[in-house]
Amino acid sequence: MSRMPKPNRDRPARRKVNLLRANKITEVDWKDADLLRKFISDRGKIRARRVTGLTPQQQKQIATAIKNAREMALLPYPASGRAN
């Protein structure tokens, strides 16, 4: 028996908006912390491609830029799972 909820048939599924394409951004820069913050969760994790709606190439650019920005202390590293 599947535990997945049935899709809501009342309204059609909405396509994810590609933020990079909407803002006409072709190259992602690690120094643009405001843009990169939109692609990380409140815990500091990089959001999945199915959540962000990016292409695989764009997702790779975002992930690399976020990692570089973390190294330069512009963005936080992910929060630890449990704090004792």
C-alpha atoms as a PDB file:
ATOM      1  CA  MET A   1       0.000   0.000   0.000  1.00  0.00           C
ATOM      2  CA  SER A   2       1.404   3.370  -1.013  1.00  0.00           C
ATOM      3  CA  ARG A   3       1.637   6.125   1.596  1.00  0.00           C
ATOM      4  CA  MET A   4       1.961   8.927  -0.946  1.00  0.00           C
ATOM      5  CA  PRO A   5      -1.028  11.284  -1.002  1.00  0.00           C
ATOM      6  CA  LYS A   6      -3.060  11.394  -4.153  1.00  0.00           C
ATOM      7  CA  PRO A   7      -2.466  14.467  -6.313  1.00  0.00           C
ATOM      8  CA  ASN A   8      -5.091  17.166  -6.009  1.00  0.00           C
ATOM      9  CA  ARG A   9      -7.142  16.917  -9.183  1.00  0.00           C
ATOM     10  CA  ASP A  10      -8.991  20.188  -8.575  1.00  0.00           C
ATOM     11  CA  ARG A  11      -6.160  22.373  -9.784  1.00  0.00           C
ATOM     12  CA  PRO A  12      -3.325  21.664 -12.214  1.00  0.00           C
ATOM     13  CA  ALA A  13       0.234  21.276 -10.962  1.00  0.00           C
ATOM     14  CA  ARG A  14       2.152  24.540 -11.060  1.00  0.00           C
ATOM     15  CA  ARG A  15       5.528  24.583 -12.746  1.00  0.00           C
ATOM     16  CA  LYS A  16       8.454  25.684 -10.568  1.00  0.00           C
ATOM     17  CA  VAL A  17       9.738  29.151 -11.468  1.00  0.00           C
ATOM     18  CA  ASN A  18      13.389  29.177 -12.525  1.00  0.00           C
ATOM     19  CA  LEU A  19      14.766  32.202 -10.622  1.00  0.00           C
ATOM     20  CA  LEU A  20      17.891  32.438 -12.760  1.00  0.00           C
ATOM     21  CA  ARG A  21      15.962  32.475 -16.020  1.00  0.00           C
ATOM     22  CA  ALA A  22      13.390  34.917 -14.611  1.00  0.00           C
ATOM     23  CA  ASN A  23      16.173  37.355 -13.601  1.00  0.00           C
ATOM     24  CA  LYS A  24      18.116  36.715 -16.856  1.00  0.00           C
ATOM     25  CA  ILE A  25      21.202  35.483 -14.987  1.00  0.00           C
ATOM     26  CA  THR A  26      23.536  33.385 -17.135  1.00  0.00           C
ATOM     27  CA  GLU A  27      26.572  33.117 -14.838  1.00  0.00           C
ATOM     28  CA  VAL A  28      26.240  32.635 -11.074  1.00  0.00           C
ATOM     29  CA  ASP A  29      28.731  34.577  -8.945  1.00  0.00           C
ATOM     30  CA  TRP A  30      29.699  33.434  -5.433  1.00  0.00           C
ATOM     31  CA  LYS A  31      29.876  37.069  -4.286  1.00  0.00           C
ATOM     32  CA  ASP A  32      26.124  37.556  -4.841  1.00  0.00           C
ATOM     33  CA  ALA A  33      25.097  36.303  -1.382  1.00  0.00           C
ATOM     34  CA  ASP A  34      21.544  37.694  -1.635  1.00  0.00           C
ATOM     35  CA  LEU A  35      20.808  35.555  -4.690  1.00  0.00           C
ATOM     36  CA  LEU A  36      22.466  32.474  -3.204  1.00  0.00           C
ATOM     37  CA  ARG A  37      20.441  32.767   0.037  1.00  0.00           C
ATOM     38  CA  LYS A  38      17.307  32.005  -1.988  1.00  0.00           C
ATOM     39  CA  PHE A  39      18.735  28.574  -2.774  1.00  0.00           C
ATOM     40  CA  ILE A  40      19.589  27.487   0.770  1.00  0.00           C
ATOM     41  CA  SER A  41      17.199  26.421   3.520  1.00  0.00           C
ATOM     42  CA  ASP A  42      16.871  28.108   6.894  1.00  0.00           C
ATOM     43  CA  ARG A  43      19.210  25.418   8.249  1.00  0.00           C
ATOM     44  CA  GLY A  44      21.849  26.254   5.626  1.00  0.00           C
ATOM     45  CA  LYS A  45      21.345  23.281   3.318  1.00  0.00           C
ATOM     46  CA  ILE A  46      21.343  23.647  -0.464  1.00  0.00           C
ATOM     47  CA  ARG A  47      17.808  23.183  -1.794  1.00  0.00           C
ATOM     48  CA  ALA A  48      17.170  20.321  -4.209  1.00  0.00           C
ATOM     49  CA  ARG A  49      16.657  20.880  -7.914  1.00  0.00           C
ATOM     50  CA  ARG A  50      13.063  19.672  -7.709  1.00  0.00           C
ATOM     51  CA  VAL A  51      12.432  22.470  -5.206  1.00  0.00           C
ATOM     52  CA  THR A  52      14.325  25.255  -6.987  1.00  0.00           C
ATOM     53  CA  GLY A  53      13.198  24.406 -10.529  1.00  0.00           C
ATOM     54  CA  LEU A  54      16.688  24.913 -11.982  1.00  0.00           C
ATOM     55  CA  THR A  55      18.312  23.000 -14.833  1.00  0.00           C
ATOM     56  CA  PRO A  56      21.037  20.522 -13.870  1.00  0.00           C
ATOM     57  CA  GLN A  57      23.767  22.863 -15.140  1.00  0.00           C
ATOM     58  CA  GLN A  58      22.338  25.811 -13.180  1.00  0.00           C
ATOM     59  CA  GLN A  59      21.986  23.689 -10.033  1.00  0.00           C
ATOM     60  CA  LYS A  60      25.663  22.695 -10.300  1.00  0.00           C
ATOM     61  CA  GLN A  61      26.655  26.373 -10.705  1.00  0.00           C
ATOM     62  CA  ILE A  62      24.564  27.335  -7.672  1.00  0.00           C
ATOM     63  CA  ALA A  63      26.018  24.516  -5.548  1.00  0.00           C
ATOM     64  CA  THR A  64      29.586  25.471  -6.459  1.00  0.00           C
ATOM     65  CA  ALA A  65      28.917  29.170  -5.828  1.00  0.00           C
ATOM     66  CA  ILE A  66      27.323  28.412  -2.427  1.00  0.00           C
ATOM     67  CA  LYS A  67      30.306  26.271  -1.433  1.00  0.00           C
ATOM     68  CA  ASN A  68      32.720  29.046  -2.438  1.00  0.00           C
ATOM     69  CA  ALA A  69      30.651  31.653  -0.569  1.00  0.00           C
ATOM     70  CA  ARG A  70      30.671  29.437   2.532  1.00  0.00           C
ATOM     71  CA  GLU A  71      34.443  29.168   2.303  1.00  0.00           C
ATOM     72  CA  MET A  72      34.654  32.980   2.200  1.00  0.00           C
ATOM     73  CA  ALA A  73      32.252  33.224   5.195  1.00  0.00           C
ATOM     74  CA  LEU A  74      29.454  34.913   3.202  1.00  0.00           C
ATOM     75  CA  LEU A  75      26.998  32.056   3.822  1.00  0.00           C
ATOM     76  CA  PRO A  76      26.559  29.635   6.744  1.00  0.00           C
ATOM     77  CA  TYR A  77      27.457  25.976   6.727  1.00  0.00           C
ATOM     78  CA  PRO A  78      24.561  23.592   7.432  1.00  0.00           C
ATOM     79  CA  ALA A  79      23.476  23.435  11.056  1.00  0.00           C
ATOM     80  CA  SER A  80      24.334  20.209  12.846  1.00  0.00           C
ATOM     81  CA  GLY A  81      21.580  17.629  13.172  1.00  0.00           C
ATOM     82  CA  ARG A  82      21.241  17.582  16.945  1.00  0.00           C
ATOM     83  CA  ALA A  83      22.656  19.896  19.553  1.00  0.00           C
ATOM     84  CA  ASN A  84      23.174  18.253  22.935  1.00  0.00           C
END
